């Protein structure tokens, strides 16, 4: 892995598996790498990500 720290403190880590990952600091960037690798290890490859949503119904009730 290669690490680059910019003048404003942004950290960019180039991981051989994930490519370039950036964050506001080194700790945040390393945590993001761990999160992405954990998603890859899931049985579905991290593709089934559910988010909450609310459906909006329009029209009048009959």
Protein backbone atom coordinates (compact mmCIF):
# COMPACT_ATOMS: atom_id res chain seq x y z
CA UNK A 1 0.00 0.00 0.00
CA UNK A 2 1.11 3.52 -0.75
CA UNK A 3 0.09 6.46 1.41
CA UNK A 4 -0.05 10.11 0.40
CA UNK A 5 -0.82 12.94 2.82
CA UNK A 6 -1.75 16.21 1.12
CA UNK A 7 -0.97 19.70 2.41
CA UNK A 8 -4.49 20.02 3.87
CA UNK A 9 -4.24 16.69 5.74
CA UNK A 10 -6.26 14.57 3.35
CA UNK A 11 -4.96 11.01 3.24
CA UNK A 12 -4.97 8.90 0.08
CA UNK A 13 -4.08 5.22 0.37
CA UNK A 14 -3.62 3.11 -2.73
CA UNK A 15 -4.57 -0.46 -1.86
CA UNK A 16 -3.73 -3.27 -4.33
CA UNK A 17 -7.22 -4.79 -3.95
CA UNK A 18 -9.37 -1.65 -3.80
CA UNK A 19 -7.43 1.03 -5.63
CA UNK A 20 -7.27 4.58 -4.28
CA UNK A 21 -9.23 5.36 -1.12
CA UNK A 22 -9.25 8.82 0.43
CA UNK A 23 -10.38 10.35 3.70
CA UNK A 24 -9.96 13.41 5.87
CA UNK A 25 -7.15 11.73 7.83
CA UNK A 26 -5.23 8.45 7.97
CA UNK A 27 -7.52 6.84 10.58
CA UNK A 28 -10.64 7.60 8.55
CA UNK A 29 -9.05 6.25 5.38
CA UNK A 30 -7.89 3.03 7.05
CA UNK A 31 -11.39 2.53 8.51
CA UNK A 32 -12.91 2.94 5.03
CA UNK A 33 -10.51 0.33 3.63
CA UNK A 34 -11.52 -2.11 6.40
CA UNK A 35 -15.21 -1.41 5.69
CA UNK A 36 -14.84 -2.01 1.95
CA UNK A 37 -12.87 -5.23 2.47
CA UNK A 38 -15.52 -6.49 4.92
CA UNK A 39 -18.22 -5.82 2.32
CA UNK A 40 -16.27 -7.80 -0.27
CA UNK A 41 -16.05 -10.78 2.08
CA UNK A 42 -19.82 -11.02 2.47
CA UNK A 43 -21.41 -13.90 0.62
CA UNK A 44 -23.28 -11.57 -1.74
CA UNK A 45 -20.20 -9.48 -2.46
CA UNK A 46 -21.81 -6.49 -0.74
CA UNK A 47 -24.33 -6.05 -3.54
CA UNK A 48 -27.48 -6.36 -1.43
CA UNK A 49 -27.45 -3.13 0.51
CA UNK A 50 -30.82 -2.12 1.85
CA UNK A 51 -31.79 1.42 2.70
CA UNK A 52 -34.94 2.73 4.30
CA UNK A 53 -37.35 4.49 2.02
CA UNK A 54 -40.87 5.81 2.17
CA UNK A 55 -43.31 5.42 -0.67
CA UNK A 56 -45.45 8.41 -1.46
CA UNK A 57 -48.95 7.60 -2.64
CA UNK A 58 -50.77 10.17 -4.68
CA UNK A 59 -54.36 10.41 -5.77
CA UNK A 60 -57.57 10.30 -3.82
CA UNK A 61 -58.90 7.28 -1.99
CA UNK A 62 -61.99 5.82 -3.61
